[in-house]
Full PDB file with SEQRES, HELIX, SHEET, SSBOND, CRYST1, ORIGX, SCALE, CONECT and MASTER records, all heavy atoms in Angstrom:
SEQRES   1 A   41  PRO GLN VAL LEU PHE LEU ASP GLU PRO THR THR GLY VAL          
SEQRES   2 A   41  ASP PRO ARG ASN ARG ARG GLU LEU TRP GLU VAL ILE ARG          
SEQRES   3 A   41  SER LEU ALA ASP ALA GLY THR THR VAL PHE LEU THR THR          
SEQRES   4 A   41  GLN TYR                                                      
HELIX    1 AA1 PRO A   15  ASP A   30  1                                  16    
SHEET    1 AA1 2 VAL A   3  ASP A   7  0                                        
SHEET    2 AA1 2 THR A  34  THR A  38  1                                        
CRYST1    1.000    1.000    1.000  90.00  90.00  90.00 P 1           1          
ORIGX1      1.000000  0.000000  0.000000        0.00000                         
ORIGX2      0.000000  1.000000  0.000000        0.00000                         
ORIGX3      0.000000  0.000000  1.000000        0.00000                         
SCALE1      1.000000  0.000000  0.000000        0.00000                         
SCALE2      0.000000  1.000000  0.000000        0.00000                         
SCALE3      0.000000  0.000000  1.000000        0.00000                         
ATOM      1  N   PRO A   1      38.302  78.324 142.891  1.00  0.00           N  
ATOM      2  CA  PRO A   1      37.095  77.400 142.869  1.00  0.00           C  
ATOM      3  C   PRO A   1      36.962  76.956 141.417  1.00  0.00           C  
ATOM      4  O   PRO A   1      37.426  77.486 140.522  1.00  0.00           O  
ATOM      5  CB  PRO A   1      35.973  78.317 143.224  1.00  0.00           C  
ATOM      6  CG  PRO A   1      36.477  79.643 142.609  1.00  0.00           C  
ATOM      7  CD  PRO A   1      37.898  79.784 142.831  1.00  0.00           C  
ATOM      8  N   GLN A   2      36.274  75.691 141.338  1.00  0.00           N  
ATOM      9  CA  GLN A   2      35.983  75.162 140.058  1.00  0.00           C  
ATOM     10  C   GLN A   2      34.717  75.850 139.581  1.00  0.00           C  
ATOM     11  O   GLN A   2      34.629  76.144 138.318  1.00  0.00           O  
ATOM     12  CB  GLN A   2      35.705  73.570 140.133  1.00  0.00           C  
ATOM     13  CG  GLN A   2      36.869  72.822 140.488  1.00  0.00           C  
ATOM     14  CD  GLN A   2      36.582  71.438 140.643  1.00  0.00           C  
ATOM     15  OE1 GLN A   2      35.768  70.835 139.820  1.00  0.00           O  
ATOM     16  NE2 GLN A   2      37.287  70.648 141.560  1.00  0.00           N  
ATOM     17  N   VAL A   3      33.912  76.242 140.500  1.00  0.00           N  
ATOM     18  CA  VAL A   3      32.646  76.937 140.065  1.00  0.00           C  
ATOM     19  C   VAL A   3      32.533  78.168 140.919  1.00  0.00           C  
ATOM     20  O   VAL A   3      32.515  78.134 142.168  1.00  0.00           O  
ATOM     21  CB  VAL A   3      31.368  76.033 140.278  1.00  0.00           C  
ATOM     22  CG1 VAL A   3      30.138  76.734 139.725  1.00  0.00           C  
ATOM     23  CG2 VAL A   3      31.566  74.686 139.412  1.00  0.00           C  
ATOM     24  N   LEU A   4      32.163  79.358 140.302  1.00  0.00           N  
ATOM     25  CA  LEU A   4      31.998  80.561 141.022  1.00  0.00           C  
ATOM     26  C   LEU A   4      30.577  80.978 140.821  1.00  0.00           C  
ATOM     27  O   LEU A   4      30.008  81.128 139.731  1.00  0.00           O  
ATOM     28  CB  LEU A   4      32.946  81.710 140.497  1.00  0.00           C  
ATOM     29  CG  LEU A   4      32.730  83.074 140.921  1.00  0.00           C  
ATOM     30  CD1 LEU A   4      33.033  83.202 142.468  1.00  0.00           C  
ATOM     31  CD2 LEU A   4      33.610  84.026 140.334  1.00  0.00           C  
ATOM     32  N   PHE A   5      29.796  81.145 142.028  1.00  0.00           N  
ATOM     33  CA  PHE A   5      28.453  81.700 141.943  1.00  0.00           C  
ATOM     34  C   PHE A   5      28.495  83.209 142.314  1.00  0.00           C  
ATOM     35  O   PHE A   5      28.957  83.466 143.328  1.00  0.00           O  
ATOM     36  CB  PHE A   5      27.594  80.848 142.943  1.00  0.00           C  
ATOM     37  CG  PHE A   5      27.441  79.422 142.647  1.00  0.00           C  
ATOM     38  CD1 PHE A   5      28.347  78.393 143.074  1.00  0.00           C  
ATOM     39  CD2 PHE A   5      26.251  79.019 141.843  1.00  0.00           C  
ATOM     40  CE1 PHE A   5      28.058  77.142 142.667  1.00  0.00           C  
ATOM     41  CE2 PHE A   5      26.078  77.712 141.405  1.00  0.00           C  
ATOM     42  CZ  PHE A   5      26.850  76.787 141.925  1.00  0.00           C  
ATOM     43  N   LEU A   6      27.804  83.881 141.456  1.00  0.00           N  
ATOM     44  CA  LEU A   6      27.701  85.303 141.593  1.00  0.00           C  
ATOM     45  C   LEU A   6      26.216  85.736 141.762  1.00  0.00           C  
ATOM     46  O   LEU A   6      25.452  85.633 140.646  1.00  0.00           O  
ATOM     47  CB  LEU A   6      28.340  86.134 140.456  1.00  0.00           C  
ATOM     48  CG  LEU A   6      29.851  85.890 140.278  1.00  0.00           C  
ATOM     49  CD1 LEU A   6      30.333  86.465 138.988  1.00  0.00           C  
ATOM     50  CD2 LEU A   6      30.718  86.237 141.495  1.00  0.00           C  
ATOM     51  N   ASP A   7      25.718  86.149 142.771  1.00  0.00           N  
ATOM     52  CA  ASP A   7      24.297  86.390 143.034  1.00  0.00           C  
ATOM     53  C   ASP A   7      24.225  88.027 142.848  1.00  0.00           C  
ATOM     54  O   ASP A   7      24.547  88.761 143.777  1.00  0.00           O  
ATOM     55  CB  ASP A   7      23.797  86.019 144.332  1.00  0.00           C  
ATOM     56  CG  ASP A   7      22.260  86.139 144.523  1.00  0.00           C  
ATOM     57  OD1 ASP A   7      21.586  86.440 143.512  1.00  0.00           O  
ATOM     58  OD2 ASP A   7      21.792  85.913 145.676  1.00  0.00           O  
ATOM     59  N   GLU A   8      23.779  88.513 141.720  1.00  0.00           N  
ATOM     60  CA  GLU A   8      23.555  89.897 141.431  1.00  0.00           C  
ATOM     61  C   GLU A   8      24.889  90.618 141.845  1.00  0.00           C  
ATOM     62  O   GLU A   8      24.829  91.582 142.662  1.00  0.00           O  
ATOM     63  CB  GLU A   8      22.356  90.408 142.007  1.00  0.00           C  
ATOM     64  CG  GLU A   8      21.180  89.741 141.503  1.00  0.00           C  
ATOM     65  CD  GLU A   8      19.757  90.330 141.940  1.00  0.00           C  
ATOM     66  OE1 GLU A   8      19.834  91.427 142.537  1.00  0.00           O  
ATOM     67  OE2 GLU A   8      18.772  89.710 141.779  1.00  0.00           O  
ATOM     68  N   PRO A   9      26.041  90.389 141.255  1.00  0.00           N  
ATOM     69  CA  PRO A   9      27.297  90.973 141.758  1.00  0.00           C  
ATOM     70  C   PRO A   9      27.555  92.412 141.566  1.00  0.00           C  
ATOM     71  O   PRO A   9      28.358  93.035 142.103  1.00  0.00           O  
ATOM     72  CB  PRO A   9      28.422  90.196 140.952  1.00  0.00           C  
ATOM     73  CG  PRO A   9      27.696  89.776 139.749  1.00  0.00           C  
ATOM     74  CD  PRO A   9      26.194  89.538 140.078  1.00  0.00           C  
ATOM     75  N   THR A  10      26.802  93.075 140.587  1.00  0.00           N  
ATOM     76  CA  THR A  10      26.894  94.441 140.217  1.00  0.00           C  
ATOM     77  C   THR A  10      25.827  95.327 140.765  1.00  0.00           C  
ATOM     78  O   THR A  10      25.748  96.505 140.398  1.00  0.00           O  
ATOM     79  CB  THR A  10      27.162  94.646 138.808  1.00  0.00           C  
ATOM     80  OG1 THR A  10      25.997  94.240 138.029  1.00  0.00           O  
ATOM     81  CG2 THR A  10      28.418  93.862 138.189  1.00  0.00           C  
ATOM     82  N   THR A  11      24.965  94.719 141.582  1.00  0.00           N  
ATOM     83  CA  THR A  11      23.976  95.573 142.225  1.00  0.00           C  
ATOM     84  C   THR A  11      24.429  96.777 142.963  1.00  0.00           C  
ATOM     85  O   THR A  11      25.373  96.623 143.807  1.00  0.00           O  
ATOM     86  CB  THR A  11      22.926  94.813 143.033  1.00  0.00           C  
ATOM     87  OG1 THR A  11      22.410  93.815 142.310  1.00  0.00           O  
ATOM     88  CG2 THR A  11      21.929  95.629 143.871  1.00  0.00           C  
ATOM     89  N   GLY A  12      24.103  98.053 142.668  1.00  0.00           N  
ATOM     90  CA  GLY A  12      24.512  99.146 143.235  1.00  0.00           C  
ATOM     91  C   GLY A  12      25.935  99.720 142.974  1.00  0.00           C  
ATOM     92  O   GLY A  12      26.413 100.698 143.385  1.00  0.00           O  
ATOM     93  N   VAL A  13      26.499  99.065 141.803  1.00  0.00           N  
ATOM     94  CA  VAL A  13      27.732  99.500 141.238  1.00  0.00           C  
ATOM     95  C   VAL A  13      27.433 100.561 140.097  1.00  0.00           C  
ATOM     96  O   VAL A  13      26.572 100.212 139.294  1.00  0.00           O  
ATOM     97  CB  VAL A  13      28.612  98.318 140.818  1.00  0.00           C  
ATOM     98  CG1 VAL A  13      29.935  98.830 140.205  1.00  0.00           C  
ATOM     99  CG2 VAL A  13      28.792  97.414 141.988  1.00  0.00           C  
ATOM    100  N   ASP A  14      28.197 101.565 139.917  1.00  0.00           N  
ATOM    101  CA  ASP A  14      28.067 102.584 138.886  1.00  0.00           C  
ATOM    102  C   ASP A  14      28.307 101.918 137.650  1.00  0.00           C  
ATOM    103  O   ASP A  14      29.071 100.874 137.499  1.00  0.00           O  
ATOM    104  CB  ASP A  14      28.715 103.916 139.138  1.00  0.00           C  
ATOM    105  CG  ASP A  14      30.278 103.610 139.202  1.00  0.00           C  
ATOM    106  OD1 ASP A  14      30.831 103.346 138.078  1.00  0.00           O  
ATOM    107  OD2 ASP A  14      30.933 103.699 140.253  1.00  0.00           O  
ATOM    108  N   PRO A  15      27.862 102.502 136.371  1.00  0.00           N  
ATOM    109  CA  PRO A  15      28.013 101.829 135.164  1.00  0.00           C  
ATOM    110  C   PRO A  15      29.557 101.703 134.719  1.00  0.00           C  
ATOM    111  O   PRO A  15      29.887 100.629 134.163  1.00  0.00           O  
ATOM    112  CB  PRO A  15      27.371 102.899 134.106  1.00  0.00           C  
ATOM    113  CG  PRO A  15      26.315 103.540 134.954  1.00  0.00           C  
ATOM    114  CD  PRO A  15      26.945 103.628 136.434  1.00  0.00           C  
ATOM    115  N   ARG A  16      30.494 102.575 135.121  1.00  0.00           N  
ATOM    116  CA  ARG A  16      31.852 102.447 134.774  1.00  0.00           C  
ATOM    117  C   ARG A  16      32.486 101.272 135.512  1.00  0.00           C  
ATOM    118  O   ARG A  16      33.182 100.397 134.848  1.00  0.00           O  
ATOM    119  CB  ARG A  16      32.679 103.715 135.089  1.00  0.00           C  
ATOM    120  CG  ARG A  16      34.127 103.580 134.718  1.00  0.00           C  
ATOM    121  CD  ARG A  16      34.808 104.931 135.148  1.00  0.00           C  
ATOM    122  NE  ARG A  16      36.292 104.652 134.763  1.00  0.00           N  
ATOM    123  CZ  ARG A  16      37.098 105.705 134.978  1.00  0.00           C  
ATOM    124  NH1 ARG A  16      36.797 106.904 135.441  1.00  0.00           N  
ATOM    125  NH2 ARG A  16      38.463 105.565 134.694  1.00  0.00           N  
ATOM    126  N   ASN A  17      32.153 101.084 136.792  1.00  0.00           N  
ATOM    127  CA  ASN A  17      32.837 100.088 137.673  1.00  0.00           C  
ATOM    128  C   ASN A  17      32.130  98.745 137.190  1.00  0.00           C  
ATOM    129  O   ASN A  17      32.659  97.664 137.298  1.00  0.00           O  
ATOM    130  CB  ASN A  17      32.603 100.314 139.031  1.00  0.00           C  
ATOM    131  CG  ASN A  17      33.721 101.243 139.651  1.00  0.00           C  
ATOM    132  OD1 ASN A  17      34.807 100.960 139.389  1.00  0.00           O  
ATOM    133  ND2 ASN A  17      33.318 102.367 140.055  1.00  0.00           N  
ATOM    134  N   ARG A  18      30.766  98.827 136.748  1.00  0.00           N  
ATOM    135  CA  ARG A  18      30.110  97.706 136.466  1.00  0.00           C  
ATOM    136  C   ARG A  18      30.832  97.020 135.141  1.00  0.00           C  
ATOM    137  O   ARG A  18      31.012  95.819 135.044  1.00  0.00           O  
ATOM    138  CB  ARG A  18      28.674  97.924 136.002  1.00  0.00           C  
ATOM    139  CG  ARG A  18      27.718  96.757 135.570  1.00  0.00           C  
ATOM    140  CD  ARG A  18      26.406  97.047 135.438  1.00  0.00           C  
ATOM    141  NE  ARG A  18      25.738  97.549 136.681  1.00  0.00           N  
ATOM    142  CZ  ARG A  18      25.152  98.736 136.826  1.00  0.00           C  
ATOM    143  NH1 ARG A  18      25.107  99.683 135.834  1.00  0.00           N  
ATOM    144  NH2 ARG A  18      24.569  99.046 137.917  1.00  0.00           N  
ATOM    145  N   ARG A  19      31.247  97.901 134.176  1.00  0.00           N  
ATOM    146  CA  ARG A  19      31.930  97.249 132.994  1.00  0.00           C  
ATOM    147  C   ARG A  19      33.217  96.730 133.318  1.00  0.00           C  
ATOM    148  O   ARG A  19      33.724  95.758 132.667  1.00  0.00           O  
ATOM    149  CB  ARG A  19      31.997  98.434 131.987  1.00  0.00           C  
ATOM    150  CG  ARG A  19      30.661  98.611 131.177  1.00  0.00           C  
ATOM    151  CD  ARG A  19      30.628  99.947 130.370  1.00  0.00           C  
ATOM    152  NE  ARG A  19      29.554  99.954 129.643  1.00  0.00           N  
ATOM    153  CZ  ARG A  19      28.327 100.288 129.958  1.00  0.00           C  
ATOM    154  NH1 ARG A  19      28.065 100.573 131.152  1.00  0.00           N  
ATOM    155  NH2 ARG A  19      27.239 100.302 129.105  1.00  0.00           N  
ATOM    156  N   GLU A  20      33.895  97.267 134.362  1.00  0.00           N  
ATOM    157  CA  GLU A  20      35.230  96.787 134.749  1.00  0.00           C  
ATOM    158  C   GLU A  20      35.001  95.446 135.312  1.00  0.00           C  
ATOM    159  O   GLU A  20      35.964  94.555 135.175  1.00  0.00           O  
ATOM    160  CB  GLU A  20      35.879  97.695 135.753  1.00  0.00           C  
ATOM    161  CG  GLU A  20      36.447  99.123 135.099  1.00  0.00           C  
ATOM    162  CD  GLU A  20      36.996 100.028 136.102  1.00  0.00           C  
ATOM    163  OE1 GLU A  20      36.906  99.642 137.323  1.00  0.00           O  
ATOM    164  OE2 GLU A  20      37.470 101.086 135.690  1.00  0.00           O  
ATOM    165  N   LEU A  21      33.913  95.299 136.122  1.00  0.00           N  
ATOM    166  CA  LEU A  21      33.715  93.965 136.810  1.00  0.00           C  
ATOM    167  C   LEU A  21      33.367  92.989 135.644  1.00  0.00           C  
ATOM    168  O   LEU A  21      33.761  91.794 135.944  1.00  0.00           O  
ATOM    169  CB  LEU A  21      32.523  93.998 137.762  1.00  0.00           C  
ATOM    170  CG  LEU A  21      32.952  94.654 139.046  1.00  0.00           C  
ATOM    171  CD1 LEU A  21      31.638  94.877 140.001  1.00  0.00           C  
ATOM    172  CD2 LEU A  21      33.860  93.709 139.879  1.00  0.00           C  
ATOM    173  N   TRP A  22      32.680  93.367 134.595  1.00  0.00           N  
ATOM    174  CA  TRP A  22      32.396  92.458 133.553  1.00  0.00           C  
ATOM    175  C   TRP A  22      33.716  91.779 132.911  1.00  0.00           C  
ATOM    176  O   TRP A  22      33.774  90.670 132.639  1.00  0.00           O  
ATOM    177  CB  TRP A  22      31.679  93.104 132.419  1.00  0.00           C  
ATOM    178  CG  TRP A  22      30.228  93.528 132.840  1.00  0.00           C  
ATOM    179  CD1 TRP A  22      29.495  93.095 134.033  1.00  0.00           C  
ATOM    180  CD2 TRP A  22      29.273  94.238 132.129  1.00  0.00           C  
ATOM    181  NE1 TRP A  22      28.234  93.603 133.977  1.00  0.00           N  
ATOM    182  CE2 TRP A  22      28.082  94.382 132.807  1.00  0.00           C  
ATOM    183  CE3 TRP A  22      29.492  95.034 130.870  1.00  0.00           C  
ATOM    184  CZ2 TRP A  22      27.000  95.183 132.372  1.00  0.00           C  
ATOM    185  CZ3 TRP A  22      28.328  95.837 130.503  1.00  0.00           C  
ATOM    186  CH2 TRP A  22      27.151  95.818 131.255  1.00  0.00           C  
ATOM    187  N   GLU A  23      34.670  92.767 132.768  1.00  0.00           N  
ATOM    188  CA  GLU A  23      35.920  92.224 132.319  1.00  0.00           C  
ATOM    189  C   GLU A  23      36.519  91.202 133.152  1.00  0.00           C  
ATOM    190  O   GLU A  23      37.181  90.216 132.613  1.00  0.00           O  
ATOM    191  CB  GLU A  23      36.848  93.543 132.050  1.00  0.00           C  
ATOM    192  CG  GLU A  23      36.287  94.413 130.953  1.00  0.00           C  
ATOM    193  CD  GLU A  23      37.251  95.583 130.802  1.00  0.00           C  
ATOM    194  OE1 GLU A  23      38.290  95.685 131.447  1.00  0.00           O  
ATOM    195  OE2 GLU A  23      36.897  96.510 129.976  1.00  0.00           O  
ATOM    196  N   VAL A  24      36.488  91.526 134.481  1.00  0.00           N  
ATOM    197  CA  VAL A  24      37.123  90.523 135.512  1.00  0.00           C  
ATOM    198  C   VAL A  24      36.437  89.262 135.467  1.00  0.00           C  
ATOM    199  O   VAL A  24      37.124  88.229 135.297  1.00  0.00           O  
ATOM    200  CB  VAL A  24      37.082  91.201 136.860  1.00  0.00           C  
ATOM    201  CG1 VAL A  24      37.538  90.153 137.855  1.00  0.00           C  
ATOM    202  CG2 VAL A  24      37.949  92.389 137.040  1.00  0.00           C  
ATOM    203  N   ILE A  25      35.131  89.272 135.373  1.00  0.00           N  
ATOM    204  CA  ILE A  25      34.317  87.914 135.294  1.00  0.00           C  
ATOM    205  C   ILE A  25      34.707  87.208 134.043  1.00  0.00           C  
ATOM    206  O   ILE A  25      34.952  85.995 134.149  1.00  0.00           O  
ATOM    207  CB  ILE A  25      32.838  88.292 135.527  1.00  0.00           C  
ATOM    208  CG1 ILE A  25      32.631  88.851 136.846  1.00  0.00           C  
ATOM    209  CG2 ILE A  25      32.002  87.087 135.243  1.00  0.00           C  
ATOM    210  CD1 ILE A  25      31.196  89.441 137.016  1.00  0.00           C  
ATOM    211  N   ARG A  26      34.673  87.955 133.016  1.00  0.00           N  
ATOM    212  CA  ARG A  26      34.997  87.212 131.757  1.00  0.00           C  
ATOM    213  C   ARG A  26      36.481  86.681 131.751  1.00  0.00           C  
ATOM    214  O   ARG A  26      36.599  85.525 131.263  1.00  0.00           O  
ATOM    215  CB  ARG A  26      34.913  88.205 130.605  1.00  0.00           C  
ATOM    216  CG  ARG A  26      35.384  87.707 129.223  1.00  0.00           C  
ATOM    217  CD  ARG A  26      34.915  86.336 128.765  1.00  0.00           C  
ATOM    218  NE  ARG A  26      33.505  86.447 128.542  1.00  0.00           N  
ATOM    219  CZ  ARG A  26      32.788  85.257 128.323  1.00  0.00           C  
ATOM    220  NH1 ARG A  26      33.332  84.070 128.249  1.00  0.00           N  
ATOM    221  NH2 ARG A  26      31.490  85.301 128.051  1.00  0.00           N  
ATOM    222  N   SER A  27      37.349  87.282 132.287  1.00  0.00           N  
ATOM    223  CA  SER A  27      38.803  86.817 132.471  1.00  0.00           C  
ATOM    224  C   SER A  27      38.798  85.484 133.232  1.00  0.00           C  
ATOM    225  O   SER A  27      39.583  84.656 132.972  1.00  0.00           O  
ATOM    226  CB  SER A  27      39.739  87.886 132.947  1.00  0.00           C  
ATOM    227  OG  SER A  27      39.424  88.171 134.416  1.00  0.00           O  
ATOM    228  N   LEU A  28      37.941  85.486 134.289  1.00  0.00           N  
ATOM    229  CA  LEU A  28      37.837  84.299 135.160  1.00  0.00           C  
ATOM    230  C   LEU A  28      37.409  83.112 134.356  1.00  0.00           C  
ATOM    231  O   LEU A  28      37.987  81.976 134.504  1.00  0.00           O  
ATOM    232  CB  LEU A  28      37.037  84.569 136.404  1.00  0.00           C  
ATOM    233  CG  LEU A  28      37.420  85.722 137.298  1.00  0.00           C  
ATOM    234  CD1 LEU A  28      36.359  85.864 138.534  1.00  0.00           C  
ATOM    235  CD2 LEU A  28      38.792  85.446 137.961  1.00  0.00           C  
ATOM    236  N   ALA A  29      36.441  83.353 133.562  1.00  0.00           N  
ATOM    237  CA  ALA A  29      35.976  82.180 132.827  1.00  0.00           C  
ATOM    238  C   ALA A  29      36.772  81.822 131.706  1.00  0.00           C  
ATOM    239  O   ALA A  29      37.047  80.629 131.394  1.00  0.00           O  
ATOM    240  CB  ALA A  29      34.550  82.488 132.213  1.00  0.00           C  
ATOM    241  N   ASP A  30      37.550  82.716 131.017  1.00  0.00           N  
ATOM    242  CA  ASP A  30      38.545  82.495 130.110  1.00  0.00           C  
ATOM    243  C   ASP A  30      39.720  81.617 130.711  1.00  0.00           C  
ATOM    244  O   ASP A  30      40.331  80.838 130.000  1.00  0.00           O  
ATOM    245  CB  ASP A  30      39.127  83.780 129.554  1.00  0.00           C  
ATOM    246  CG  ASP A  30      38.082  84.475 128.590  1.00  0.00           C  
ATOM    247  OD1 ASP A  30      37.200  83.839 128.249  1.00  0.00           O  
ATOM    248  OD2 ASP A  30      38.406  85.701 128.341  1.00  0.00           O  
ATOM    249  N   ALA A  31      39.932  81.780 132.002  1.00  0.00           N  
ATOM    250  CA  ALA A  31      40.961  80.937 132.585  1.00  0.00           C  
ATOM    251  C   ALA A  31      40.429  79.519 133.104  1.00  0.00           C  
ATOM    252  O   ALA A  31      41.176  78.829 133.679  1.00  0.00           O  
ATOM    253  CB  ALA A  31      41.491  81.656 133.852  1.00  0.00           C  
ATOM    254  N   GLY A  32      39.198  79.270 132.810  1.00  0.00           N  
ATOM    255  CA  GLY A  32      38.619  77.882 133.149  1.00  0.00           C  
ATOM    256  C   GLY A  32      37.597  77.751 134.153  1.00  0.00           C  
ATOM    257  O   GLY A  32      37.110  76.635 134.421  1.00  0.00           O  
ATOM    258  N   THR A  33      37.382  78.839 134.888  1.00  0.00           N  
ATOM    259  CA  THR A  33      36.321  78.755 136.028  1.00  0.00           C  
ATOM    260  C   THR A  33      34.895  78.895 135.483  1.00  0.00           C  
ATOM    261  O   THR A  33      34.632  79.658 134.545  1.00  0.00           O  
ATOM    262  CB  THR A  33      36.511  79.919 136.957  1.00  0.00           C  
ATOM    263  OG1 THR A  33      37.771  80.029 137.530  1.00  0.00           O  
ATOM    264  CG2 THR A  33      35.578  79.976 138.150  1.00  0.00           C  
ATOM    265  N   THR A  34      34.010  77.865 135.829  1.00  0.00           N  
ATOM    266  CA  THR A  34      32.537  78.123 135.446  1.00  0.00           C  
ATOM    267  C   THR A  34      31.936  79.050 136.313  1.00  0.00           C  
ATOM    268  O   THR A  34      32.163  79.178 137.509  1.00  0.00           O  
ATOM    269  CB  THR A  34      31.963  76.667 135.752  1.00  0.00           C  
ATOM    270  OG1 THR A  34      32.627  75.680 135.001  1.00  0.00           O  
ATOM    271  CG2 THR A  34      30.456  76.843 135.368  1.00  0.00           C  
ATOM    272  N   VAL A  35      31.183  80.063 135.732  1.00  0.00           N  
ATOM    273  CA  VAL A  35      30.568  81.161 136.433  1.00  0.00           C  
ATOM    274  C   VAL A  35      29.033  80.932 136.253  1.00  0.00           C  
ATOM    275  O   VAL A  35      28.540  80.839 135.168  1.00  0.00           O  
ATOM    276  CB  VAL A  35      31.047  82.471 135.887  1.00  0.00           C  
ATOM    277  CG1 VAL A  35      30.203  83.610 136.547  1.00  0.00           C  
ATOM    278  CG2 VAL A  35      32.449  82.661 135.938  1.00  0.00           C  
ATOM    279  N   PHE A  36      28.385  81.006 137.392  1.00  0.00           N  
ATOM    280  CA  PHE A  36      26.898  80.943 137.486  1.00  0.00           C  
ATOM    281  C   PHE A  36      26.455  82.322 137.994  1.00  0.00           C  
ATOM    282  O   PHE A  36      26.740  82.587 139.094  1.00  0.00           O  
ATOM    283  CB  PHE A  36      26.418  79.760 138.254  1.00  0.00           C  
ATOM    284  CG  PHE A  36      24.877  79.567 138.174  1.00  0.00           C  
ATOM    285  CD1 PHE A  36      24.315  78.635 137.473  1.00  0.00           C  
ATOM    286  CD2 PHE A  36      24.017  80.374 139.004  1.00  0.00           C  
ATOM    287  CE1 PHE A  36      22.999  78.471 137.325  1.00  0.00           C  
ATOM    288  CE2 PHE A  36      22.699  80.233 139.009  1.00  0.00           C  
ATOM    289  CZ  PHE A  36      22.164  79.231 138.243  1.00  0.00           C  
ATOM    290  N   LEU A  37      25.758  82.987 137.120  1.00  0.00           N  
ATOM    291  CA  LEU A  37      25.495  84.357 137.500  1.00  0.00           C  
ATOM    292  C   LEU A  37      23.976  84.757 137.506  1.00  0.00           C  
ATOM    293  O   LEU A  37      23.319  84.180 136.713  1.00  0.00           O  
ATOM    294  CB  LEU A  37      26.057  85.273 136.413  1.00  0.00           C  
ATOM    295  CG  LEU A  37      25.685  86.814 136.283  1.00  0.00           C  
ATOM    296  CD1 LEU A  37      26.576  87.550 137.310  1.00  0.00           C  
ATOM    297  CD2 LEU A  37      26.164  87.269 134.925  1.00  0.00           C  
ATOM    298  N   THR A  38      23.458  85.363 138.517  1.00  0.00           N  
ATOM    299  CA  THR A  38      22.171  85.898 138.448  1.00  0.00           C  
ATOM    300  C   THR A  38      22.108  87.336 138.374  1.00  0.00           C  
ATOM    301  O   THR A  38      23.118  88.034 138.927  1.00  0.00           O  
ATOM    302  CB  THR A  38      21.294  85.516 139.805  1.00  0.00           C  
ATOM    303  OG1 THR A  38      21.789  86.186 140.901  1.00  0.00           O  
ATOM    304  CG2 THR A  38      21.461  83.980 140.114  1.00  0.00           C  
ATOM    305  N   THR A  39      21.287  87.817 137.732  1.00  0.00           N  
ATOM    306  CA  THR A  39      21.222  89.272 137.486  1.00  0.00           C  
ATOM    307  C   THR A  39      19.853  89.820 137.196  1.00  0.00           C  
ATOM    308  O   THR A  39      19.013  89.146 136.620  1.00  0.00           O  
ATOM    309  CB  THR A  39      22.260  89.716 136.348  1.00  0.00           C  
ATOM    310  OG1 THR A  39      22.245  91.153 136.236  1.00  0.00           O  
ATOM    311  CG2 THR A  39      21.876  89.105 135.006  1.00  0.00           C  
ATOM    312  N   GLN A  40      19.583  91.085 137.529  1.00  0.00           N  
ATOM    313  CA  GLN A  40      18.412  91.768 137.052  1.00  0.00           C  
ATOM    314  C   GLN A  40      18.749  92.631 135.821  1.00  0.00           C  
ATOM    315  O   GLN A  40      17.884  93.223 135.070  1.00  0.00           O  
ATOM    316  CB  GLN A  40      17.861  92.670 138.102  1.00  0.00           C  
ATOM    317  CG  GLN A  40      17.364  91.852 139.313  1.00  0.00           C  
ATOM    318  CD  GLN A  40      16.746  92.998 140.291  1.00  0.00           C  
ATOM    319  OE1 GLN A  40      15.874  93.715 140.012  1.00  0.00           O  
ATOM    320  NE2 GLN A  40      17.281  92.701 141.464  1.00  0.00           N  
ATOM    321  N   TYR A  41      20.146  92.921 135.438  1.00  0.00           N  
ATOM    322  CA  TYR A  41      20.434  93.749 134.483  1.00  0.00           C  
ATOM    323  C   TYR A  41      20.484  93.110 133.159  1.00  0.00           C  
ATOM    324  O   TYR A  41      21.320  92.103 132.932  1.00  0.00           O  
ATOM    325  CB  TYR A  41      21.868  94.390 134.825  1.00  0.00           C  
ATOM    326  CG  TYR A  41      21.852  95.239 136.065  1.00  0.00           C  
ATOM    327  CD1 TYR A  41      22.579  94.843 137.206  1.00  0.00           C  
ATOM    328  CD2 TYR A  41      21.073  96.379 136.021  1.00  0.00           C  
ATOM    329  CE1 TYR A  41      22.540  95.714 138.347  1.00  0.00           C  
ATOM    330  CE2 TYR A  41      21.114  97.240 137.128  1.00  0.00           C  
ATOM    331  CZ  TYR A  41      21.748  96.876 138.316  1.00  0.00           C  
ATOM    332  OH  TYR A  41      21.790  97.648 139.403  1.00  0.00           O  
TER     333      TYR A  41                                                      
MASTER        0    0    0    1    2    0    0    6  332    1    0    4          
END                                                                             
């Protein structure tokens, strides 16, 4: 996609896996994808 929408993507995920997902999301943006993220965290 050109734009990735993430609606509270780490809800219910434990802290370790949450940080791993952060790295994945950052890598997607670094590759050129626009990320629109909603979060309570």
